[in-house]
C-alpha atoms as a PDB file:
ATOM      1  CA  MET A   1      -7.061  10.559   3.584  1.00  0.00           C
ATOM      2  CA  ASN A   2      -8.303   7.043   5.988  1.00  0.00           C
ATOM      3  CA  ASN A   3      -7.727   6.024   9.502  1.00  0.00           C
ATOM      4  CA  LEU A   4      -6.803   3.104   8.558  1.00  0.00           C
ATOM      5  CA  LYS A   5      -2.899   1.744   9.526  1.00  0.00           C
ATOM      6  CA  TYR A   6      -1.854   0.169   6.591  1.00  0.00           C
ATOM      7  CA  ARG A   7       1.520  -1.084   6.119  1.00  0.00           C
ATOM      8  CA  ILE A   8       3.778   0.976   2.686  1.00  0.00           C
ATOM      9  CA  LEU A   9       6.533  -1.038   2.042  1.00  0.00           C
ATOM     10  CA  ILE A  10       8.882   1.213  -0.607  1.00  0.00           C
ATOM     11  CA  GLN A  11      12.141  -0.202  -1.962  1.00  0.00           C
ATOM     12  CA  TRP A  12      14.532   1.082  -4.800  1.00  0.00           C
ATOM     13  CA  SER A  13      14.541  -0.339  -7.818  1.00  0.00           C
ATOM     14  CA  ASN A  14      17.869  -0.511  -9.623  1.00  0.00           C
ATOM     15  CA  GLU A  15      16.351  -1.987 -12.834  1.00  0.00           C
ATOM     16  CA  ASP A  16      13.081   0.291 -13.120  1.00  0.00           C
ATOM     17  CA  ASN A  17      15.263   3.776 -11.573  1.00  0.00           C
ATOM     18  CA  CYS A  18      12.600   4.685  -9.439  1.00  0.00           C
ATOM     19  CA  PHE A  19      11.253   3.861  -5.545  1.00  0.00           C
ATOM     20  CA  LEU A  20       8.125   0.868  -6.058  1.00  0.00           C
ATOM     21  CA  VAL A  21       5.315   0.987  -3.678  1.00  0.00           C
ATOM     22  CA  SER A  22       3.715  -2.560  -2.448  1.00  0.00           C
ATOM     23  CA  LEU A  23       0.660  -2.414   0.416  1.00  0.00           C
ATOM     24  CA  PRO A  24       1.088  -5.926   2.239  1.00  0.00           C
ATOM     25  CA  ASP A  25      -2.182  -6.210   3.570  1.00  0.00           C
ATOM     26  CA  PHE A  26      -3.966  -5.715   0.452  1.00  0.00           C
ATOM     27  CA  GLN A  27      -2.302  -9.459  -1.141  1.00  0.00           C
ATOM     28  CA  GLU A  28      -4.767  -9.962  -3.015  1.00  0.00           C
ATOM     29  CA  GLU A  29      -3.136  -7.103  -5.233  1.00  0.00           C
ATOM     30  CA  GLN A  30      -0.336  -6.758  -7.682  1.00  0.00           C
ATOM     31  CA  GLN A  31       2.551  -6.920  -5.491  1.00  0.00           C
ATOM     32  CA  TRP A  32       4.050  -3.170  -6.977  1.00  0.00           C
ATOM     33  CA  VAL A  33       1.060  -0.829  -6.847  1.00  0.00           C
ATOM     34  CA  THR A  34       3.234   2.392  -8.002  1.00  0.00           C
ATOM     35  CA  HIS A  35       6.043   4.015  -7.980  1.00  0.00           C
ATOM     36  CA  GLY A  36       6.906   7.329  -7.942  1.00  0.00           C
ATOM     37  CA  GLU A  37      10.413   8.977  -9.220  1.00  0.00           C
ATOM     38  CA  THR A  38      11.492  10.210  -5.466  1.00  0.00           C
ATOM     39  CA  TYR A  39      10.901   8.467  -1.338  1.00  0.00           C
ATOM     40  CA  GLU A  40       7.776  11.297  -0.999  1.00  0.00           C
ATOM     41  CA  GLU A  41       6.738  10.656  -4.281  1.00  0.00           C
ATOM     42  CA  ALA A  42       6.183   7.344  -3.914  1.00  0.00           C
ATOM     43  CA  PHE A  43       4.315   7.606  -0.338  1.00  0.00           C
ATOM     44  CA  GLN A  44       1.670  10.361  -1.474  1.00  0.00           C
ATOM     45  CA  ASN A  45       1.333   7.392  -4.857  1.00  0.00           C
ATOM     46  CA  ALA A  46       0.834   4.822  -2.441  1.00  0.00           C
ATOM     47  CA  VAL A  47      -1.666   6.283   0.007  1.00  0.00           C
ATOM     48  CA  GLU A  48      -4.075   7.638  -3.400  1.00  0.00           C
ATOM     49  CA  VAL A  49      -3.676   4.183  -3.478  1.00  0.00           C
ATOM     50  CA  MET A  50      -4.513   2.504  -0.966  1.00  0.00           C
ATOM     51  CA  ASP A  51      -7.211   4.851  -0.199  1.00  0.00           C
ATOM     52  CA  ILE A  52      -8.485   4.033  -3.933  1.00  0.00           C
ATOM     53  CA  LEU A  53      -8.586   0.318  -2.651  1.00  0.00           C
ATOM     54  CA  VAL A  54     -10.194   1.239   0.688  1.00  0.00           C
ATOM     55  CA  GLU A  55     -13.289   2.794  -1.299  1.00  0.00           C
ATOM     56  CA  ILE A  56     -13.509  -0.318  -4.289  1.00  0.00           C
ATOM     57  CA  TYR A  57     -13.855  -2.203  -1.424  1.00  0.00           C
ATOM     58  CA  GLN A  58     -16.444  -0.796   0.271  1.00  0.00           C
ATOM     59  CA  GLU A  59     -18.160  -0.275  -2.869  1.00  0.00           C
ATOM     60  CA  LYS A  60     -18.155  -4.035  -3.954  1.00  0.00           C
ATOM     61  CA  GLY A  61     -18.738  -4.995  -0.546  1.00  0.00           C
ATOM     62  CA  LYS A  62     -15.850  -6.673   0.643  1.00  0.00           C
ATOM     63  CA  SER A  63     -14.780  -6.644   4.117  1.00  0.00           C
ATOM     64  CA  LEU A  64     -11.286  -4.659   4.935  1.00  0.00           C
ATOM     65  CA  PRO A  65      -8.310  -6.581   4.990  1.00  0.00           C
ATOM     66  CA  THR A  66      -7.124  -6.249   8.953  1.00  0.00           C
ATOM     67  CA  PRO A  67      -4.170  -4.241   9.464  1.00  0.00           C
ATOM     68  CA  LEU A  68      -0.559  -6.265  10.614  1.00  0.00           C
ATOM     69  CA  THR A  69       0.149  -3.782  13.067  1.00  0.00           C
ATOM     70  CA  LEU A  70       4.129  -4.116  14.647  1.00  0.00           C
ATOM     71  CA  CYS A  71       3.069  -5.874  17.302  1.00  0.00           C
ATOM     72  CA  ASP A  72       0.638  -8.499  15.121  1.00  0.00           C
ATOM     73  CA  SER A  73       3.445  -9.887  13.467  1.00  0.00           C
ATOM     74  CA  ALA A  74       6.317 -10.155  15.895  1.00  0.00           C
ATOM     75  CA  ALA A  75       3.477 -12.658  17.699  1.00  0.00           C
END
C-alpha cells in the first residue's frame, strides 16, 4: 500500500445495494471506481484501486495528483 494521503469517498447506494467508492483526487477517472458489499470490503477495494492508479500514473510518467487535505479544502 502506498503512503500517499488521497481521499476515499464511500457511500451507500440503495439502487445498487452496496457501498460505492470514489477517489476525488483522481478527477480524470470515472466517479465510482469500485464498490463493496460491506464498508470494509469497499475500503479494501478502494486501496487496491488507488495502488493500481498510482502504478499506472508512474508507468505513464504522469504526475500524481496533489492530495487535498482537510486544511486545503477549508481554505
